[in-house]
Amino acid sequence: MVNVEENKVKVSVIIPVYNVEKYLRECLDSVVNQTLKDIEIICVDDGSTDGSGAI
């Protein structure tokens, strides 16, 4: 018997973040609105000095 959960497509989207407050919401909206829904989104902020971390 095949476990259906094991056959799901899983994708990790890694988004580097460094002082991109101006573009980050649009980027995240774009990823969230893709047709593939079984994803995880990982944002890696390397010490932004703008409001990127708050987003």
PDB file of N, CA and C in Angstrom:
ATOM      1  N   MET A   1       0.849  -1.175   0.000  1.00  0.00           N
ATOM      2  CA  MET A   1       0.000   0.000   0.000  1.00  0.00           C
ATOM      3  C   MET A   1       0.896   1.240   0.000  1.00  0.00           C
ATOM      4  N   VAL A   2       0.589   2.210  -0.854  1.00  0.00           N
ATOM      5  CA  VAL A   2       1.370   3.432  -0.986  1.00  0.00           C
ATOM      6  C   VAL A   2       0.750   4.532  -0.129  1.00  0.00           C
ATOM      7  N   ASN A   3       1.579   5.177   0.658  1.00  0.00           N
ATOM      8  CA  ASN A   3       1.123   6.294   1.484  1.00  0.00           C
ATOM      9  C   ASN A   3       1.041   7.542   0.603  1.00  0.00           C
ATOM     10  N   VAL A   4      -0.145   8.104   0.465  1.00  0.00           N
ATOM     11  CA  VAL A   4      -0.368   9.265  -0.394  1.00  0.00           C
ATOM     12  C   VAL A   4       0.457  10.451   0.087  1.00  0.00           C
ATOM     13  N   GLU A   5       0.595  10.625   1.390  1.00  0.00           N
ATOM     14  CA  GLU A   5       1.344  11.755   1.942  1.00  0.00           C
ATOM     15  C   GLU A   5       2.795  11.738   1.473  1.00  0.00           C
ATOM     16  N   GLU A   6       3.377  10.581   1.273  1.00  0.00           N
ATOM     17  CA  GLU A   6       4.770  10.485   0.843  1.00  0.00           C
ATOM     18  C   GLU A   6       4.967  10.926  -0.599  1.00  0.00           C
ATOM     19  N   ASN A   7       3.913  10.907  -1.397  1.00  0.00           N
ATOM     20  CA  ASN A   7       4.023  11.241  -2.805  1.00  0.00           C
ATOM     21  C   ASN A   7       3.698  12.698  -3.111  1.00  0.00           C
ATOM     22  N   LYS A   8       3.417  13.506  -2.090  1.00  0.00           N
ATOM     23  CA  LYS A   8       3.125  14.917  -2.330  1.00  0.00           C
ATOM     24  C   LYS A   8       4.384  15.651  -2.762  1.00  0.00           C
ATOM     25  N   VAL A   9       4.207  16.584  -3.655  1.00  0.00           N
ATOM     26  CA  VAL A   9       5.317  17.425  -4.075  1.00  0.00           C
ATOM     27  C   VAL A   9       5.562  18.451  -2.987  1.00  0.00           C
ATOM     28  N   LYS A  10       6.813  18.590  -2.589  1.00  0.00           N
ATOM     29  CA  LYS A  10       7.156  19.580  -1.571  1.00  0.00           C
ATOM     30  C   LYS A  10       8.278  20.438  -2.112  1.00  0.00           C
ATOM     31  N   VAL A  11       8.094  21.734  -2.005  1.00  0.00           N
ATOM     32  CA  VAL A  11       9.069  22.674  -2.533  1.00  0.00           C
ATOM     33  C   VAL A  11       9.387  23.695  -1.445  1.00  0.00           C
ATOM     34  N   SER A  12      10.659  23.971  -1.273  1.00  0.00           N
ATOM     35  CA  SER A  12      11.089  25.046  -0.387  1.00  0.00           C
ATOM     36  C   SER A  12      11.554  26.200  -1.260  1.00  0.00           C
ATOM     37  N   VAL A  13      11.028  27.385  -0.987  1.00  0.00           N
ATOM     38  CA  VAL A  13      11.444  28.591  -1.699  1.00  0.00           C
ATOM     39  C   VAL A  13      12.253  29.414  -0.708  1.00  0.00           C
ATOM     40  N   ILE A  14      13.520  29.632  -1.019  1.00  0.00           N
ATOM     41  CA  ILE A  14      14.393  30.391  -0.143  1.00  0.00           C
ATOM     42  C   ILE A  14      14.591  31.769  -0.750  1.00  0.00           C
ATOM     43  N   ILE A  15      14.241  32.787   0.031  1.00  0.00           N
ATOM     44  CA  ILE A  15      14.320  34.160  -0.453  1.00  0.00           C
ATOM     45  C   ILE A  15      15.368  34.911   0.359  1.00  0.00           C
ATOM     46  N   PRO A  16      16.461  35.298  -0.281  1.00  0.00           N
ATOM     47  CA  PRO A  16      17.455  36.107   0.422  1.00  0.00           C
ATOM     48  C   PRO A  16      16.911  37.527   0.604  1.00  0.00           C
ATOM     49  N   VAL A  17      17.097  38.073   1.798  1.00  0.00           N
ATOM     50  CA  VAL A  17      16.545  39.386   2.109  1.00  0.00           C
ATOM     51  C   VAL A  17      17.662  40.270   2.650  1.00  0.00           C
ATOM     52  N   TYR A  18      17.924  41.362   1.974  1.00  0.00           N
ATOM     53  CA  TYR A  18      18.853  42.361   2.504  1.00  0.00           C
ATOM     54  C   TYR A  18      18.457  43.725   1.942  1.00  0.00           C
ATOM     55  N   ASN A  19      17.837  44.524   2.775  1.00  0.00           N
ATOM     56  CA  ASN A  19      17.399  45.874   2.402  1.00  0.00           C
ATOM     57  C   ASN A  19      16.547  45.896   1.124  1.00  0.00           C
ATOM     58  N   VAL A  20      15.541  45.048   1.111  1.00  0.00           N
ATOM     59  CA  VAL A  20      14.634  44.978  -0.051  1.00  0.00           C
ATOM     60  C   VAL A  20      13.184  45.258   0.362  1.00  0.00           C
ATOM     61  N   GLU A  21      13.016  46.075   1.385  1.00  0.00           N
ATOM     62  CA  GLU A  21      11.678  46.397   1.882  1.00  0.00           C
ATOM     63  C   GLU A  21      10.756  46.842   0.749  1.00  0.00           C
ATOM     64  N   LYS A  22      11.285  47.601  -0.178  1.00  0.00           N
ATOM     65  CA  LYS A  22      10.494  48.149  -1.286  1.00  0.00           C
ATOM     66  C   LYS A  22       9.894  47.051  -2.177  1.00  0.00           C
ATOM     67  N   TYR A  23      10.562  45.894  -2.267  1.00  0.00           N
ATOM     68  CA  TYR A  23      10.147  44.833  -3.197  1.00  0.00           C
ATOM     69  C   TYR A  23       9.663  43.558  -2.514  1.00  0.00           C
ATOM     70  N   LEU A  24       9.854  43.447  -1.208  1.00  0.00           N
ATOM     71  CA  LEU A  24       9.625  42.175  -0.524  1.00  0.00           C
ATOM     72  C   LEU A  24       8.169  41.735  -0.529  1.00  0.00           C
ATOM     73  N   ARG A  25       7.244  42.635  -0.295  1.00  0.00           N
ATOM     74  CA  ARG A  25       5.819  42.250  -0.305  1.00  0.00           C
ATOM     75  C   ARG A  25       5.403  41.695  -1.669  1.00  0.00           C
ATOM     76  N   GLU A  26       5.821  42.351  -2.724  1.00  0.00           N
ATOM     77  CA  GLU A  26       5.481  41.878  -4.074  1.00  0.00           C
ATOM     78  C   GLU A  26       6.089  40.499  -4.329  1.00  0.00           C
ATOM     79  N   CYS A  27       7.311  40.316  -3.892  1.00  0.00           N
ATOM     80  CA  CYS A  27       7.979  39.020  -4.053  1.00  0.00           C
ATOM     81  C   CYS A  27       7.227  37.926  -3.300  1.00  0.00           C
ATOM     82  N   LEU A  28       6.901  38.177  -2.036  1.00  0.00           N
ATOM     83  CA  LEU A  28       6.194  37.177  -1.229  1.00  0.00           C
ATOM     84  C   LEU A  28       4.802  36.902  -1.778  1.00  0.00           C
ATOM     85  N   ASP A  29       4.090  37.935  -2.205  1.00  0.00           N
ATOM     86  CA  ASP A  29       2.775  37.742  -2.812  1.00  0.00           C
ATOM     87  C   ASP A  29       2.870  36.856  -4.046  1.00  0.00           C
ATOM     88  N   SER A  30       3.897  37.077  -4.839  1.00  0.00           N
ATOM     89  CA  SER A  30       4.090  36.283  -6.049  1.00  0.00           C
ATOM     90  C   SER A  30       4.296  34.807  -5.717  1.00  0.00           C
ATOM     91  N   VAL A  31       5.099  34.530  -4.717  1.00  0.00           N
ATOM     92  CA  VAL A  31       5.357  33.136  -4.326  1.00  0.00           C
ATOM     93  C   VAL A  31       4.102  32.498  -3.750  1.00  0.00           C
ATOM     94  N   VAL A  32       3.411  33.211  -2.881  1.00  0.00           N
ATOM     95  CA  VAL A  32       2.204  32.674  -2.237  1.00  0.00           C
ATOM     96  C   VAL A  32       1.114  32.395  -3.259  1.00  0.00           C
ATOM     97  N   ASN A  33       1.041  33.182  -4.311  1.00  0.00           N
ATOM     98  CA  ASN A  33      -0.037  33.039  -5.299  1.00  0.00           C
ATOM     99  C   ASN A  33       0.270  32.076  -6.442  1.00  0.00           C
ATOM    100  N   GLN A  34       1.309  31.310  -6.326  1.00  0.00           N
ATOM    101  CA  GLN A  34       1.605  30.293  -7.334  1.00  0.00           C
ATOM    102  C   GLN A  34       0.577  29.165  -7.242  1.00  0.00           C
ATOM    103  N   THR A  35       0.451  28.390  -8.292  1.00  0.00           N
ATOM    104  CA  THR A  35      -0.531  27.305  -8.302  1.00  0.00           C
ATOM    105  C   THR A  35      -0.124  26.164  -7.385  1.00  0.00           C
ATOM    106  N   LEU A  36       1.154  25.967  -7.198  1.00  0.00           N
ATOM    107  CA  LEU A  36       1.629  24.926  -6.288  1.00  0.00           C
ATOM    108  C   LEU A  36       1.445  25.426  -4.861  1.00  0.00           C
ATOM    109  N   LYS A  37       0.668  24.720  -4.067  1.00  0.00           N
ATOM    110  CA  LYS A  37       0.332  25.198  -2.728  1.00  0.00           C
ATOM    111  C   LYS A  37       1.108  24.490  -1.618  1.00  0.00           C
ATOM    112  N   ASP A  38       1.662  23.324  -1.905  1.00  0.00           N
ATOM    113  CA  ASP A  38       2.395  22.594  -0.862  1.00  0.00           C
ATOM    114  C   ASP A  38       3.845  23.066  -0.848  1.00  0.00           C
ATOM    115  N   ILE A  39       4.055  24.282  -0.332  1.00  0.00           N
ATOM    116  CA  ILE A  39       5.386  24.877  -0.308  1.00  0.00           C
ATOM    117  C   ILE A  39       5.690  25.428   1.078  1.00  0.00           C
ATOM    118  N   GLU A  40       6.968  25.620   1.319  1.00  0.00           N
ATOM    119  CA  GLU A  40       7.377  26.386   2.483  1.00  0.00           C
ATOM    120  C   GLU A  40       8.213  27.542   1.965  1.00  0.00           C
ATOM    121  N   ILE A  41       8.063  28.687   2.619  1.00  0.00           N
ATOM    122  CA  ILE A  41       8.797  29.883   2.212  1.00  0.00           C
ATOM    123  C   ILE A  41       9.749  30.240   3.341  1.00  0.00           C
ATOM    124  N   ILE A  42      11.027  30.301   3.016  1.00  0.00           N
ATOM    125  CA  ILE A  42      12.052  30.630   4.002  1.00  0.00           C
ATOM    126  C   ILE A  42      12.703  31.940   3.580  1.00  0.00           C
ATOM    127  N   CYS A  43      12.569  32.957   4.422  1.00  0.00           N
ATOM    128  CA  CYS A  43      13.213  34.239   4.164  1.00  0.00           C
ATOM    129  C   CYS A  43      14.444  34.335   5.054  1.00  0.00           C
ATOM    130  N   VAL A  44      15.581  34.605   4.439  1.00  0.00           N
ATOM    131  CA  VAL A  44      16.833  34.711   5.178  1.00  0.00           C
ATOM    132  C   VAL A  44      17.278  36.167   5.136  1.00  0.00           C
ATOM    133  N   ASP A  45      17.160  36.839   6.280  1.00  0.00           N
ATOM    134  CA  ASP A  45      17.519  38.255   6.392  1.00  0.00           C
ATOM    135  C   ASP A  45      18.905  38.350   6.993  1.00  0.00           C
ATOM    136  N   ASP A  46      19.808  38.937   6.253  1.00  0.00           N
ATOM    137  CA  ASP A  46      21.201  39.040   6.698  1.00  0.00           C
ATOM    138  C   ASP A  46      21.495  40.433   7.260  1.00  0.00           C
ATOM    139  N   GLY A  47      20.679  40.848   8.216  1.00  0.00           N
ATOM    140  CA  GLY A  47      20.938  42.107   8.909  1.00  0.00           C
ATOM    141  C   GLY A  47      20.472  43.355   8.190  1.00  0.00           C
ATOM    142  N   SER A  48      19.319  43.284   7.568  1.00  0.00           N
ATOM    143  CA  SER A  48      18.784  44.459   6.867  1.00  0.00           C
ATOM    144  C   SER A  48      18.681  45.645   7.815  1.00  0.00           C
ATOM    145  N   THR A  49      18.897  46.828   7.283  1.00  0.00           N
ATOM    146  CA  THR A  49      18.777  48.047   8.077  1.00  0.00           C
ATOM    147  C   THR A  49      17.510  48.827   7.728  1.00  0.00           C
ATOM    148  N   ASP A  50      16.714  48.284   6.802  1.00  0.00           N
ATOM    149  CA  ASP A  50      15.435  48.924   6.476  1.00  0.00           C
ATOM    150  C   ASP A  50      14.329  48.130   7.174  1.00  0.00           C
ATOM    151  N   GLY A  51      13.109  48.197   6.704  1.00  0.00           N
ATOM    152  CA  GLY A  51      11.986  47.509   7.346  1.00  0.00           C
ATOM    153  C   GLY A  51      11.756  46.094   6.863  1.00  0.00           C
ATOM    154  N   SER A  52      12.696  45.510   6.155  1.00  0.00           N
ATOM    155  CA  SER A  52      12.537  44.166   5.614  1.00  0.00           C
ATOM    156  C   SER A  52      12.234  43.140   6.708  1.00  0.00           C
ATOM    157  N   GLY A  53      12.910  43.239   7.815  1.00  0.00           N
ATOM    158  CA  GLY A  53      12.728  42.273   8.901  1.00  0.00           C
ATOM    159  C   GLY A  53      11.320  42.287   9.474  1.00  0.00           C
ATOM    160  N   ALA A  54      10.688  43.432   9.488  1.00  0.00           N
ATOM    161  CA  ALA A  54       9.327  43.541  10.010  1.00  0.00           C
ATOM    162  C   ALA A  54       8.312  42.869   9.086  1.00  0.00           C
ATOM    163  N   ILE A  55       8.596  42.876   7.798  1.00  0.00           N
ATOM    164  CA  ILE A  55       7.686  42.267   6.825  1.00  0.00           C
ATOM    165  C   ILE A  55       7.735  40.752   6.994  1.00  0.00           C
TER     166      ILE A  55
END
